[in-house]
Amino acid sequence: MFNTKFTSLVWRDLQVSPKELRLDTLRCGQSFRWKHVQENWVSVLQGNLVVLKESASSVYYGTLDDSDTLEPLLRDYFQLNKVSLETCYNRWSDLDINFKSKAIHFQGIRILRQDPWENLICFICSSNNNIARITQMVQKLCVEFGEKIARLEEEDYYDFPTLDRLVGDGVEKRLRELGFGYRAKYIANTAKKLNADHPDLGEKWLHSLRKVDYKEAKEELMKFQGVGPKVADCVCLMSLDHPESIPVDTHVWQIASRDYGFNKRGKTLTSIVYCRFKII
């Protein structure tokens, strides 16, 4: 089943059906940390090197040794114990004939439950950007400020930088040198504000936004420089347990206009149209 890549790993079956999880989930612009190496997906989650591969019937994960602490982490990350995707797809198909006709083409695509700090900084990088360039920027951020976790197949893998690593006076300057442009200031100022406002909790304070309502969580996020309505919605949905949040990007807007007749509210996705779309 597996090719010659990563033969040093110990592989285990996550025991999840294709209707519940497919690894195309990792290429659709939710997370920018995953590297596609032949048929494998590689990243670092909470200080753990993770290698994933799928077969026709399940998803497998590889570890560097015989110990296994990854399964609970992965089940939480993919929300496997929280959401039955097959049940959702069946219900949505009953409600929407358009969804039913297209659902077969994106089987097993899930919303991730990511670390809020990492998710916030990555989506600050996403402003006026594309997936390939965001991925490059996030990789530079991890190599420059993150901790090296492992070396595998002649390549080093790094954890996402902690808040402490991004509050220094030279951070903005270094990020500009790395090609972050105006986002360098946003990242540096977000780190400084979070550190100043919540010195005892730091980035862990963001986890508390999982326990407040969606509106309050979004308002708190938008207090950070570089976080507008869409970025805040992305973070609310993909790391803060607010499924009622619906981020609307150009692609979502085009589908809404084409298939559901929302074009009467504006031909392009301006900030005003975004806000109107959200209250429909």
Foldseek 3Di string as FASTA:
>chain_A
DDDPFPPLWDKDFLQDFQQAADPVLVVPPLDLAWDCDPQWTWGAAPLATWIWHDDNTGIMITHNDDDDPCSVVVCQFQVVVPDRNNVVQVVVCVVDVVSVVCVVVPRRRGQTAGQLVNLLLLLLLVVVHDSVVSSVLQQVQFVVAFAFRDAGPNRIHTDHHFLVSQQDPCQLVVSVVVPSPPSSVLSNQQSNVQCVVCVPQRSVVLQCLLVDALVVQLVVSVVGPSDDNQSSLSSCCRHNNHVLRDRDDQVNVVCCCPPPPPCVLDVGDDVVSRVVVSVD
